[in-house]
């Protein structure tokens, strides 16, 4: 019995694998701007050193800000280096604690003016 032909719309015409390139460090150094263009267009580049993959360069995450300062702040908060500020409306701000009393400040001011 002959098997029925597969309809054309059931056939994959592209690859199921993500677009990915690999490059050695020496070539990457010489053609960095070319590889950055590939990355900006959505490709991932594997960087190899003597045949071993040492880095993966890829397009920005959708959640990553294109602004460099914002990206650094977000990454610092994600890694725990910085703590996010409390949410607005989560209570009144903490009351400041005085460094010195008014009498202490006035006394120190008098001492510094006394020598004049």
PDB file of N, CA and C in Angstrom:
ATOM      1  N   UNK A   1       0.835  -1.169   0.000  1.00  0.00           N
ATOM      2  CA  UNK A   1       0.000   0.000   0.000  1.00  0.00           C
ATOM      3  C   UNK A   1       0.884   1.237   0.000  1.00  0.00           C
ATOM      4  N   UNK A   2       0.541   2.163  -0.820  1.00  0.00           N
ATOM      5  CA  UNK A   2       1.342   3.380  -0.979  1.00  0.00           C
ATOM      6  C   UNK A   2       0.907   4.414   0.044  1.00  0.00           C
ATOM      7  N   UNK A   3       1.906   5.065   0.674  1.00  0.00           N
ATOM      8  CA  UNK A   3       1.649   6.093   1.688  1.00  0.00           C
ATOM      9  C   UNK A   3       1.242   7.386   0.994  1.00  0.00           C
ATOM     10  N   UNK A   4       0.250   8.059   1.550  1.00  0.00           N
ATOM     11  CA  UNK A   4      -0.219   9.314   0.956  1.00  0.00           C
ATOM     12  C   UNK A   4       0.857  10.380   1.077  1.00  0.00           C
ATOM     13  N   UNK A   5       0.946  11.221   0.079  1.00  0.00           N
ATOM     14  CA  UNK A   5       1.922  12.308   0.086  1.00  0.00           C
ATOM     15  C   UNK A   5       1.577  13.325   1.174  1.00  0.00           C
ATOM     16  N   UNK A   6       2.619  13.882   1.802  1.00  0.00           N
ATOM     17  CA  UNK A   6       2.418  14.868   2.864  1.00  0.00           C
ATOM     18  C   UNK A   6       2.057  16.214   2.242  1.00  0.00           C
ATOM     19  N   UNK A   7       0.999  16.856   2.752  1.00  0.00           N
ATOM     20  CA  UNK A   7       0.655  18.173   2.204  1.00  0.00           C
ATOM     21  C   UNK A   7       1.807  19.159   2.411  1.00  0.00           C
ATOM     22  N   UNK A   8       1.951  20.080   1.474  1.00  0.00           N
ATOM     23  CA  UNK A   8       3.047  21.042   1.513  1.00  0.00           C
ATOM     24  C   UNK A   8       2.992  21.908   2.765  1.00  0.00           C
ATOM     25  N   UNK A   9       1.793  22.244   3.251  1.00  0.00           N
ATOM     26  CA  UNK A   9       1.718  23.123   4.415  1.00  0.00           C
ATOM     27  C   UNK A   9       2.096  22.435   5.719  1.00  0.00           C
ATOM     28  N   UNK A  10       2.338  21.127   5.698  1.00  0.00           N
ATOM     29  CA  UNK A  10       2.788  20.401   6.897  1.00  0.00           C
ATOM     30  C   UNK A  10       4.303  20.225   6.931  1.00  0.00           C
ATOM     31  N   UNK A  11       5.007  20.770   5.966  1.00  0.00           N
ATOM     32  CA  UNK A  11       6.452  20.601   5.877  1.00  0.00           C
ATOM     33  C   UNK A  11       7.141  21.862   6.383  1.00  0.00           C
ATOM     34  N   UNK A  12       8.153  21.677   7.232  1.00  0.00           N
ATOM     35  CA  UNK A  12       8.915  22.824   7.718  1.00  0.00           C
ATOM     36  C   UNK A  12       9.885  23.257   6.633  1.00  0.00           C
ATOM     37  N   UNK A  13       9.862  24.537   6.301  1.00  0.00           N
ATOM     38  CA  UNK A  13      10.769  25.025   5.263  1.00  0.00           C
ATOM     39  C   UNK A  13      11.991  25.709   5.856  1.00  0.00           C
ATOM     40  N   UNK A  14      12.035  25.860   7.171  1.00  0.00           N
ATOM     41  CA  UNK A  14      13.184  26.466   7.827  1.00  0.00           C
ATOM     42  C   UNK A  14      13.700  25.538   8.923  1.00  0.00           C
ATOM     43  N   UNK A  15      14.693  25.978   9.577  1.00  0.00           N
ATOM     44  CA  UNK A  15      15.278  25.178  10.640  1.00  0.00           C
ATOM     45  C   UNK A  15      14.539  25.398  11.950  1.00  0.00           C
ATOM     46  N   UNK A  16      14.493  24.363  12.752  1.00  0.00           N
ATOM     47  CA  UNK A  16      13.910  24.487  14.081  1.00  0.00           C
ATOM     48  C   UNK A  16      14.937  25.029  15.075  1.00  0.00           C
ATOM     49  N   UNK A  17      16.194  25.032  14.673  1.00  0.00           N
ATOM     50  CA  UNK A  17      17.261  25.506  15.544  1.00  0.00           C
ATOM     51  C   UNK A  17      17.374  27.018  15.451  1.00  0.00           C
ATOM     52  N   UNK A  18      17.705  27.636  16.575  1.00  0.00           N
ATOM     53  CA  UNK A  18      17.897  29.089  16.580  1.00  0.00           C
ATOM     54  C   UNK A  18      19.111  29.439  15.725  1.00  0.00           C
ATOM     55  N   UNK A  19      19.085  30.634  15.173  1.00  0.00           N
ATOM     56  CA  UNK A  19      20.222  31.081  14.374  1.00  0.00           C
ATOM     57  C   UNK A  19      21.413  31.289  15.299  1.00  0.00           C
ATOM     58  N   UNK A  20      22.512  30.590  15.014  1.00  0.00           N
ATOM     59  CA  UNK A  20      23.670  30.665  15.889  1.00  0.00           C
ATOM     60  C   UNK A  20      24.936  30.530  15.061  1.00  0.00           C
ATOM     61  N   UNK A  21      25.923  31.317  15.416  1.00  0.00           N
ATOM     62  CA  UNK A  21      27.236  31.254  14.782  1.00  0.00           C
ATOM     63  C   UNK A  21      28.262  30.921  15.848  1.00  0.00           C
ATOM     64  N   UNK A  22      29.435  30.489  15.396  1.00  0.00           N
ATOM     65  CA  UNK A  22      30.554  30.320  16.319  1.00  0.00           C
ATOM     66  C   UNK A  22      31.767  30.981  15.689  1.00  0.00           C
ATOM     67  N   UNK A  23      32.643  31.489  16.550  1.00  0.00           N
ATOM     68  CA  UNK A  23      33.816  32.198  16.064  1.00  0.00           C
ATOM     69  C   UNK A  23      34.941  32.051  17.086  1.00  0.00           C
ATOM     70  N   UNK A  24      36.152  31.989  16.588  1.00  0.00           N
ATOM     71  CA  UNK A  24      37.311  31.975  17.471  1.00  0.00           C
ATOM     72  C   UNK A  24      37.641  33.390  17.926  1.00  0.00           C
ATOM     73  N   UNK A  25      38.346  33.480  19.043  1.00  0.00           N
ATOM     74  CA  UNK A  25      38.658  34.788  19.620  1.00  0.00           C
ATOM     75  C   UNK A  25      39.472  35.648  18.648  1.00  0.00           C
ATOM     76  N   UNK A  26      40.440  35.045  17.981  1.00  0.00           N
ATOM     77  CA  UNK A  26      41.305  35.805  17.074  1.00  0.00           C
ATOM     78  C   UNK A  26      40.493  36.440  15.943  1.00  0.00           C
ATOM     79  N   UNK A  27      39.584  35.669  15.350  1.00  0.00           N
ATOM     80  CA  UNK A  27      38.757  36.196  14.261  1.00  0.00           C
ATOM     81  C   UNK A  27      37.771  37.226  14.802  1.00  0.00           C
ATOM     82  N   UNK A  28      37.214  36.965  15.985  1.00  0.00           N
ATOM     83  CA  UNK A  28      36.259  37.908  16.585  1.00  0.00           C
ATOM     84  C   UNK A  28      36.902  39.270  16.806  1.00  0.00           C
ATOM     85  N   UNK A  29      38.157  39.285  17.277  1.00  0.00           N
ATOM     86  CA  UNK A  29      38.845  40.561  17.496  1.00  0.00           C
ATOM     87  C   UNK A  29      38.976  41.346  16.201  1.00  0.00           C
ATOM     88  N   UNK A  30      39.225  40.668  15.101  1.00  0.00           N
ATOM     89  CA  UNK A  30      39.404  41.346  13.830  1.00  0.00           C
ATOM     90  C   UNK A  30      38.104  41.782  13.168  1.00  0.00           C
ATOM     91  N   UNK A  31      37.002  41.087  13.481  1.00  0.00           N
ATOM     92  CA  UNK A  31      35.729  41.373  12.813  1.00  0.00           C
ATOM     93  C   UNK A  31      34.624  41.647  13.827  1.00  0.00           C
ATOM     94  N   UNK A  32      34.969  42.317  14.918  1.00  0.00           N
ATOM     95  CA  UNK A  32      33.997  42.529  15.997  1.00  0.00           C
ATOM     96  C   UNK A  32      32.749  43.253  15.525  1.00  0.00           C
ATOM     97  N   UNK A  33      32.910  44.327  14.754  1.00  0.00           N
ATOM     98  CA  UNK A  33      31.727  45.090  14.336  1.00  0.00           C
ATOM     99  C   UNK A  33      30.801  44.241  13.468  1.00  0.00           C
ATOM    100  N   UNK A  34      31.352  43.365  12.657  1.00  0.00           N
ATOM    101  CA  UNK A  34      30.522  42.479  11.832  1.00  0.00           C
ATOM    102  C   UNK A  34      29.692  41.534  12.719  1.00  0.00           C
ATOM    103  N   UNK A  35      30.317  40.974  13.743  1.00  0.00           N
ATOM    104  CA  UNK A  35      29.599  40.049  14.631  1.00  0.00           C
ATOM    105  C   UNK A  35      28.583  40.791  15.503  1.00  0.00           C
ATOM    106  N   UNK A  36      28.887  42.018  15.879  1.00  0.00           N
ATOM    107  CA  UNK A  36      27.916  42.815  16.643  1.00  0.00           C
ATOM    108  C   UNK A  36      26.676  43.067  15.796  1.00  0.00           C
ATOM    109  N   UNK A  37      26.845  43.283  14.497  1.00  0.00           N
ATOM    110  CA  UNK A  37      25.681  43.456  13.613  1.00  0.00           C
ATOM    111  C   UNK A  37      24.839  42.178  13.573  1.00  0.00           C
ATOM    112  N   UNK A  38      25.497  41.019  13.510  1.00  0.00           N
ATOM    113  CA  UNK A  38      24.760  39.748  13.527  1.00  0.00           C
ATOM    114  C   UNK A  38      23.968  39.608  14.835  1.00  0.00           C
ATOM    115  N   UNK A  39      24.611  39.960  15.942  1.00  0.00           N
ATOM    116  CA  UNK A  39      23.956  39.857  17.252  1.00  0.00           C
ATOM    117  C   UNK A  39      22.776  40.814  17.326  1.00  0.00           C
ATOM    118  N   UNK A  40      22.951  42.040  16.831  1.00  0.00           N
ATOM    119  CA  UNK A  40      21.876  43.027  16.853  1.00  0.00           C
ATOM    120  C   UNK A  40      20.684  42.578  16.014  1.00  0.00           C
ATOM    121  N   UNK A  41      20.932  41.741  15.000  1.00  0.00           N
ATOM    122  CA  UNK A  41      19.834  41.253  14.165  1.00  0.00           C
ATOM    123  C   UNK A  41      19.162  40.023  14.762  1.00  0.00           C
ATOM    124  N   UNK A  42      19.620  39.584  15.942  1.00  0.00           N
ATOM    125  CA  UNK A  42      18.939  38.484  16.622  1.00  0.00           C
ATOM    126  C   UNK A  42      19.711  37.186  16.702  1.00  0.00           C
ATOM    127  N   UNK A  43      20.891  37.120  16.129  1.00  0.00           N
ATOM    128  CA  UNK A  43      21.671  35.883  16.176  1.00  0.00           C
ATOM    129  C   UNK A  43      22.428  35.759  17.493  1.00  0.00           C
ATOM    130  N   UNK A  44      22.779  34.536  17.834  1.00  0.00           N
ATOM    131  CA  UNK A  44      23.635  34.258  18.977  1.00  0.00           C
ATOM    132  C   UNK A  44      24.985  33.814  18.438  1.00  0.00           C
ATOM    133  N   UNK A  45      26.060  34.292  19.047  1.00  0.00           N
ATOM    134  CA  UNK A  45      27.414  33.947  18.622  1.00  0.00           C
ATOM    135  C   UNK A  45      28.122  33.248  19.774  1.00  0.00           C
ATOM    136  N   UNK A  46      28.611  32.049  19.508  1.00  0.00           N
ATOM    137  CA  UNK A  46      29.418  31.326  20.490  1.00  0.00           C
ATOM    138  C   UNK A  46      30.881  31.667  20.245  1.00  0.00           C
ATOM    139  N   UNK A  47      31.580  32.079  21.296  1.00  0.00           N
ATOM    140  CA  UNK A  47      32.992  32.440  21.188  1.00  0.00           C
ATOM    141  C   UNK A  47      33.814  31.265  21.699  1.00  0.00           C
ATOM    142  N   UNK A  48      34.745  30.807  20.870  1.00  0.00           N
ATOM    143  CA  UNK A  48      35.549  29.641  21.212  1.00  0.00           C
ATOM    144  C   UNK A  48      37.013  30.027  21.367  1.00  0.00           C
ATOM    145  N   UNK A  49      37.671  29.354  22.300  1.00  0.00           N
ATOM    146  CA  UNK A  49      39.106  29.504  22.500  1.00  0.00           C
ATOM    147  C   UNK A  49      39.714  28.116  22.419  1.00  0.00           C
ATOM    148  N   UNK A  50      40.478  27.865  21.362  1.00  0.00           N
ATOM    149  CA  UNK A  50      41.090  26.558  21.121  1.00  0.00           C
ATOM    150  C   UNK A  50      40.056  25.432  21.101  1.00  0.00           C
ATOM    151  N   UNK A  51      38.924  25.709  20.454  1.00  0.00           N
ATOM    152  CA  UNK A  51      37.906  24.684  20.282  1.00  0.00           C
ATOM    153  C   UNK A  51      36.920  24.538  21.421  1.00  0.00           C
ATOM    154  N   UNK A  52      37.104  25.279  22.515  1.00  0.00           N
ATOM    155  CA  UNK A  52      36.180  25.214  23.643  1.00  0.00           C
ATOM    156  C   UNK A  52      35.371  26.507  23.714  1.00  0.00           C
ATOM    157  N   UNK A  53      34.060  26.380  23.872  1.00  0.00           N
ATOM    158  CA  UNK A  53      33.210  27.556  23.979  1.00  0.00           C
ATOM    159  C   UNK A  53      33.468  28.223  25.326  1.00  0.00           C
ATOM    160  N   UNK A  54      33.803  29.528  25.282  1.00  0.00           N
ATOM    161  CA  UNK A  54      34.102  30.271  26.516  1.00  0.00           C
ATOM    162  C   UNK A  54      33.106  31.385  26.785  1.00  0.00           C
ATOM    163  N   UNK A  55      32.313  31.760  25.771  1.00  0.00           N
ATOM    164  CA  UNK A  55      31.345  32.838  25.957  1.00  0.00           C
ATOM    165  C   UNK A  55      30.232  32.689  24.937  1.00  0.00           C
ATOM    166  N   UNK A  56      29.110  33.288  25.287  1.00  0.00           N
ATOM    167  CA  UNK A  56      27.963  33.332  24.388  1.00  0.00           C
ATOM    168  C   UNK A  56      27.499  34.779  24.294  1.00  0.00           C
ATOM    169  N   UNK A  57      27.488  35.313  23.099  1.00  0.00           N
ATOM    170  CA  UNK A  57      27.050  36.688  22.872  1.00  0.00           C
ATOM    171  C   UNK A  57      25.710  36.633  22.161  1.00  0.00           C
ATOM    172  N   UNK A  58      24.745  37.361  22.686  1.00  0.00           N
ATOM    173  CA  UNK A  58      23.430  37.307  22.080  1.00  0.00           C
ATOM    174  C   UNK A  58      22.709  38.628  22.173  1.00  0.00           C
ATOM    175  N   UNK A  59      21.547  38.703  21.533  1.00  0.00           N
ATOM    176  CA  UNK A  59      20.767  39.942  21.565  1.00  0.00           C
ATOM    177  C   UNK A  59      20.278  40.229  22.976  1.00  0.00           C
ATOM    178  N   UNK A  60      19.895  41.481  23.202  1.00  0.00           N
ATOM    179  CA  UNK A  60      19.395  41.889  24.509  1.00  0.00           C
ATOM    180  C   UNK A  60      18.136  41.126  24.867  1.00  0.00           C
ATOM    181  N   UNK A  61      17.963  40.871  26.150  1.00  0.00           N
ATOM    182  CA  UNK A  61      16.707  40.308  26.631  1.00  0.00           C
ATOM    183  C   UNK A  61      15.631  41.351  26.423  1.00  0.00           C
ATOM    184  N   UNK A  62      14.406  40.911  26.266  1.00  0.00           N
ATOM    185  CA  UNK A  62      13.314  41.866  26.077  1.00  0.00           C
ATOM    186  C   UNK A  62      13.152  42.762  27.297  1.00  0.00           C
ATOM    187  N   UNK A  63      13.544  42.271  28.474  1.00  0.00           N
ATOM    188  CA  UNK A  63      13.393  43.057  29.697  1.00  0.00           C
ATOM    189  C   UNK A  63      14.574  43.988  29.945  1.00  0.00           C
ATOM    190  N   UNK A  64      15.630  43.873  29.160  1.00  0.00           N
ATOM    191  CA  UNK A  64      16.830  44.696  29.353  1.00  0.00           C
ATOM    192  C   UNK A  64      16.634  46.061  28.713  1.00  0.00           C
ATOM    193  N   UNK A  65      16.979  47.099  29.444  1.00  0.00           N
ATOM    194  CA  UNK A  65      16.881  48.457  28.917  1.00  0.00           C
ATOM    195  C   UNK A  65      18.036  48.713  27.957  1.00  0.00           C
ATOM    196  N   UNK A  66      17.774  49.366  26.824  1.00  0.00           N
ATOM    197  CA  UNK A  66      18.882  49.705  25.923  1.00  0.00           C
ATOM    198  C   UNK A  66      19.748  50.828  26.482  1.00  0.00           C
ATOM    199  N   UNK A  67      19.257  51.557  27.489  1.00  0.00           N
ATOM    200  CA  UNK A  67      20.030  52.619  28.128  1.00  0.00           C
ATOM    201  C   UNK A  67      21.057  51.959  29.050  1.00  0.00           C
ATOM    202  N   UNK A  68      22.330  52.239  28.853  1.00  0.00           N
ATOM    203  CA  UNK A  68      23.401  51.558  29.577  1.00  0.00           C
ATOM    204  C   UNK A  68      23.300  51.733  31.087  1.00  0.00           C
ATOM    205  N   UNK A  69      23.032  52.957  31.559  1.00  0.00           N
ATOM    206  CA  UNK A  69      22.949  53.200  32.998  1.00  0.00           C
ATOM    207  C   UNK A  69      21.788  52.419  33.611  1.00  0.00           C
ATOM    208  N   UNK A  70      20.635  52.396  32.937  1.00  0.00           N
ATOM    209  CA  UNK A  70      19.490  51.640  33.445  1.00  0.00           C
ATOM    210  C   UNK A  70      19.787  50.153  33.486  1.00  0.00           C
ATOM    211  N   UNK A  71      20.501  49.649  32.466  1.00  0.00           N
ATOM    212  CA  UNK A  71      20.836  48.233  32.419  1.00  0.00           C
ATOM    213  C   UNK A  71      21.752  47.857  33.584  1.00  0.00           C
ATOM    214  N   UNK A  72      22.735  48.711  33.898  1.00  0.00           N
ATOM    215  CA  UNK A  72      23.621  48.440  35.031  1.00  0.00           C
ATOM    216  C   UNK A  72      22.851  48.439  36.348  1.00  0.00           C
ATOM    217  N   UNK A  73      21.950  49.403  36.515  1.00  0.00           N
ATOM    218  CA  UNK A  73      21.152  49.455  37.737  1.00  0.00           C
ATOM    219  C   UNK A  73      20.277  48.217  37.878  1.00  0.00           C
ATOM    220  N   UNK A  74      19.623  47.824  36.800  1.00  0.00           N
ATOM    221  CA  UNK A  74      18.749  46.654  36.846  1.00  0.00           C
ATOM    222  C   UNK A  74      19.546  45.390  37.156  1.00  0.00           C
ATOM    223  N   UNK A  75      20.712  45.230  36.547  1.00  0.00           N
ATOM    224  CA  UNK A  75      21.537  44.043  36.802  1.00  0.00           C
ATOM    225  C   UNK A  75      22.049  44.037  38.240  1.00  0.00           C
ATOM    226  N   UNK A  76      22.405  45.207  38.779  1.00  0.00           N
ATOM    227  CA  UNK A  76      22.855  45.298  40.172  1.00  0.00           C
ATOM    228  C   UNK A  76      21.732  44.926  41.133  1.00  0.00           C
ATOM    229  N   UNK A  77      20.521  45.339  40.820  1.00  0.00           N
ATOM    230  CA  UNK A  77      19.376  44.983  41.670  1.00  0.00           C
ATOM    231  C   UNK A  77      19.081  43.494  41.562  1.00  0.00           C
ATOM    232  N   UNK A  78      19.176  42.926  40.332  1.00  0.00           N
ATOM    233  CA  UNK A  78      18.914  41.498  40.138  1.00  0.00           C
ATOM    234  C   UNK A  78      19.927  40.637  40.888  1.00  0.00           C
ATOM    235  N   UNK A  79      21.187  41.070  40.904  1.00  0.00           N
ATOM    236  CA  UNK A  79      22.230  40.271  41.551  1.00  0.00           C
ATOM    237  C   UNK A  79      22.321  40.508  43.052  1.00  0.00           C
ATOM    238  N   UNK A  80      21.557  41.482  43.559  1.00  0.00           N
ATOM    239  CA  UNK A  80      21.532  41.725  44.999  1.00  0.00           C
ATOM    240  C   UNK A  80      22.526  42.751  45.483  1.00  0.00           C
ATOM    241  N   UNK A  81      23.290  43.353  44.579  1.00  0.00           N
ATOM    242  CA  UNK A  81      24.253  44.385  44.976  1.00  0.00           C
ATOM    243  C   UNK A  81      23.510  45.617  45.481  1.00  0.00           C
ATOM    244  N   UNK A  82      22.421  45.964  44.809  1.00  0.00           N
ATOM    245  CA  UNK A  82      21.582  47.085  45.215  1.00  0.00           C
ATOM    246  C   UNK A  82      20.214  46.560  45.638  1.00  0.00           C
ATOM    247  N   UNK A  83      19.612  47.238  46.579  1.00  0.00           N
ATOM    248  CA  UNK A  83      18.252  46.890  46.983  1.00  0.00           C
ATOM    249  C   UNK A  83      17.282  47.846  46.306  1.00  0.00           C
ATOM    250  N   UNK A  84      16.186  47.317  45.836  1.00  0.00           N
ATOM    251  CA  UNK A  84      15.171  48.165  45.212  1.00  0.00           C
ATOM    252  C   UNK A  84      14.536  49.045  46.275  1.00  0.00           C
ATOM    253  N   UNK A  85      14.150  50.256  45.898  1.00  0.00           N
ATOM    254  CA  UNK A  85      13.491  51.130  46.872  1.00  0.00           C
ATOM    255  C   UNK A  85      12.113  50.567  47.218  1.00  0.00           C
ATOM    256  N   UNK A  86      11.598  50.920  48.391  1.00  0.00           N
ATOM    257  CA  UNK A  86      10.253  50.444  48.722  1.00  0.00           C
ATOM    258  C   UNK A  86       9.232  51.026  47.750  1.00  0.00           C
ATOM    259  N   UNK A  87       8.157  50.319  47.591  1.00  0.00           N
ATOM    260  CA  UNK A  87       7.114  50.779  46.675  1.00  0.00           C
ATOM    261  C   UNK A  87       6.461  52.038  47.212  1.00  0.00           C
ATOM    262  N   UNK A  88       6.083  52.909  46.307  1.00  0.00           N
ATOM    263  CA  UNK A  88       5.386  54.134  46.700  1.00  0.00           C
ATOM    264  C   UNK A  88       4.070  53.758  47.357  1.00  0.00           C
ATOM    265  N   UNK A  89       3.746  54.451  48.411  1.00  0.00           N
ATOM    266  CA  UNK A  89       2.489  54.183  49.105  1.00  0.00           C
ATOM    267  C   UNK A  89       2.580  53.045  50.094  1.00  0.00           C
ATOM    268  N   UNK A  90       3.785  52.531  50.354  1.00  0.00           N
ATOM    269  CA  UNK A  90       3.914  51.420  51.298  1.00  0.00           C
ATOM    270  C   UNK A  90       4.115  51.924  52.718  1.00  0.00           C
ATOM    271  N   UNK A  91       3.738  53.140  52.981  1.00  0.00           N
ATOM    272  CA  UNK A  91       3.867  53.700  54.322  1.00  0.00           C
ATOM    273  C   UNK A  91       4.633  54.999  54.276  1.00  0.00           C
ATOM    274  N   UNK A  92       4.626  55.721  55.384  1.00  0.00           N
ATOM    275  CA  UNK A  92       5.340  56.998  55.407  1.00  0.00           C
ATOM    276  C   UNK A  92       6.848  56.768  55.403  1.00  0.00           C
ATOM    277  N   UNK A  93       7.592  57.736  54.909  1.00  0.00           N
ATOM    278  CA  UNK A  93       9.050  57.593  54.938  1.00  0.00           C
ATOM    279  C   UNK A  93       9.534  57.610  56.377  1.00  0.00           C
ATOM    280  N   UNK A  94      10.680  57.002  56.643  1.00  0.00           N
ATOM    281  CA  UNK A  94      11.188  56.989  58.014  1.00  0.00           C
ATOM    282  C   UNK A  94      11.516  58.400  58.487  1.00  0.00           C
ATOM    283  N   UNK A  95      11.312  58.637  59.765  1.00  0.00           N
ATOM    284  CA  UNK A  95      11.621  59.949  60.337  1.00  0.00           C
ATOM    285  C   UNK A  95      13.131  60.086  60.462  1.00  0.00           C
ATOM    286  N   UNK A  96      13.666  61.239  60.081  1.00  0.00           N
ATOM    287  CA  UNK A  96      15.115  61.429  60.201  1.00  0.00           C
ATOM    288  C   UNK A  96      15.525  61.511  61.671  1.00  0.00           C
ATOM    289  N   UNK A  97      16.688  60.975  61.969  1.00  0.00           N
ATOM    290  CA  UNK A  97      17.215  61.084  63.327  1.00  0.00           C
ATOM    291  C   UNK A  97      18.208  62.237  63.355  1.00  0.00           C
ATOM    292  N   UNK A  98      18.074  63.135  64.299  1.00  0.00           N
ATOM    293  CA  UNK A  98      18.970  64.293  64.335  1.00  0.00           C
ATOM    294  C   UNK A  98      20.411  63.877  64.635  1.00  0.00           C
ATOM    295  N   UNK A  99      21.335  64.583  64.013  1.00  0.00           N
ATOM    296  CA  UNK A  99      22.757  64.316  64.229  1.00  0.00           C
ATOM    297  C   UNK A  99      23.220  64.991  65.516  1.00  0.00           C
ATOM    298  N   UNK A 100      22.732  66.200  65.746  1.00  0.00           N
ATOM    299  CA  UNK A 100      23.085  66.948  66.954  1.00  0.00           C
ATOM    300  C   UNK A 100      21.883  67.819  67.332  1.00  0.00           C
ATOM    301  N   UNK A 101      21.826  68.175  68.604  1.00  0.00           N
ATOM    302  CA  UNK A 101      20.734  69.049  69.041  1.00  0.00           C
ATOM    303  C   UNK A 101      21.045  70.490  68.626  1.00  0.00           C
ATOM    304  N   UNK A 102      20.031  71.325  68.652  1.00  0.00           N
ATOM    305  CA  UNK A 102      20.207  72.726  68.275  1.00  0.00           C
ATOM    306  C   UNK A 102      21.208  73.412  69.198  1.00  0.00           C
ATOM    307  N   UNK A 103      21.147  73.121  70.500  1.00  0.00           N
ATOM    308  CA  UNK A 103      22.085  73.721  71.448  1.00  0.00           C
ATOM    309  C   UNK A 103      23.523  73.338  71.120  1.00  0.00           C
ATOM    310  N   UNK A 104      23.760  72.079  70.741  1.00  0.00           N
ATOM    311  CA  UNK A 104      25.116  71.631  70.395  1.00  0.00           C
ATOM    312  C   UNK A 104      25.614  72.345  69.141  1.00  0.00           C
ATOM    313  N   UNK A 105      24.749  72.512  68.160  1.00  0.00           N
ATOM    314  CA  UNK A 105      25.139  73.192  66.923  1.00  0.00           C
ATOM    315  C   UNK A 105      25.470  74.661  67.196  1.00  0.00           C
ATOM    316  N   UNK A 106      24.637  75.338  67.995  1.00  0.00           N
ATOM    317  CA  UNK A 106      24.887  76.750  68.312  1.00  0.00           C
ATOM    318  C   UNK A 106      26.165  76.920  69.126  1.00  0.00           C
ATOM    319  N   UNK A 107      26.425  75.979  70.056  1.00  0.00           N
ATOM    320  CA  UNK A 107      27.647  76.050  70.854  1.00  0.00           C
ATOM    321  C   UNK A 107      28.883  75.882  69.966  1.00  0.00           C
ATOM    322  N   UNK A 108      28.829  74.959  69.047  1.00  0.00           N
ATOM    323  CA  UNK A 108      29.969  74.753  68.144  1.00  0.00           C
ATOM    324  C   UNK A 108      30.152  75.961  67.233  1.00  0.00           C
ATOM    325  N   UNK A 109      29.070  76.552  66.794  1.00  0.00           N
ATOM    326  CA  UNK A 109      29.146  77.750  65.969  1.00  0.00           C
ATOM    327  C   UNK A 109      29.789  78.900  66.741  1.00  0.00           C
ATOM    328  N   UNK A 110      29.419  79.071  68.025  1.00  0.00           N
ATOM    329  CA  UNK A 110      30.039  80.114  68.860  1.00  0.00           C
ATOM    330  C   UNK A 110      31.536  79.872  69.024  1.00  0.00           C
ATOM    331  N   UNK A 111      31.949  78.604  69.181  1.00  0.00           N
ATOM    332  CA  UNK A 111      33.362  78.286  69.360  1.00  0.00           C
ATOM    333  C   UNK A 111      34.162  78.672  68.111  1.00  0.00           C
ATOM    334  N   UNK A 112      33.603  78.362  66.931  1.00  0.00           N
ATOM    335  CA  UNK A 112      34.342  78.674  65.697  1.00  0.00           C
ATOM    336  C   UNK A 112      34.387  80.174  65.438  1.00  0.00           C
ATOM    337  N   UNK A 113      33.395  80.930  65.896  1.00  0.00           N
ATOM    338  CA  UNK A 113      33.379  82.378  65.695  1.00  0.00           C
ATOM    339  C   UNK A 113      34.211  83.094  66.762  1.00  0.00           C
ATOM    340  N   UNK A 114      34.465  82.453  67.883  1.00  0.00           N
ATOM    341  CA  UNK A 114      35.181  83.066  69.004  1.00  0.00           C
ATOM    342  C   UNK A 114      36.612  83.454  68.616  1.00  0.00           C
ATOM    343  N   UNK A 115      37.231  82.672  67.774  1.00  0.00           N
ATOM    344  CA  UNK A 115      38.614  82.930  67.371  1.00  0.00           C
ATOM    345  C   UNK A 115      38.750  84.093  66.407  1.00  0.00           C
ATOM    346  N   UNK A 116      37.699  84.688  65.924  1.00  0.00           N
ATOM    347  CA  UNK A 116      37.760  85.772  64.930  1.00  0.00           C
ATOM    348  C   UNK A 116      37.864  87.121  65.588  1.00  0.00           C
TER     349      UNK A 116
END
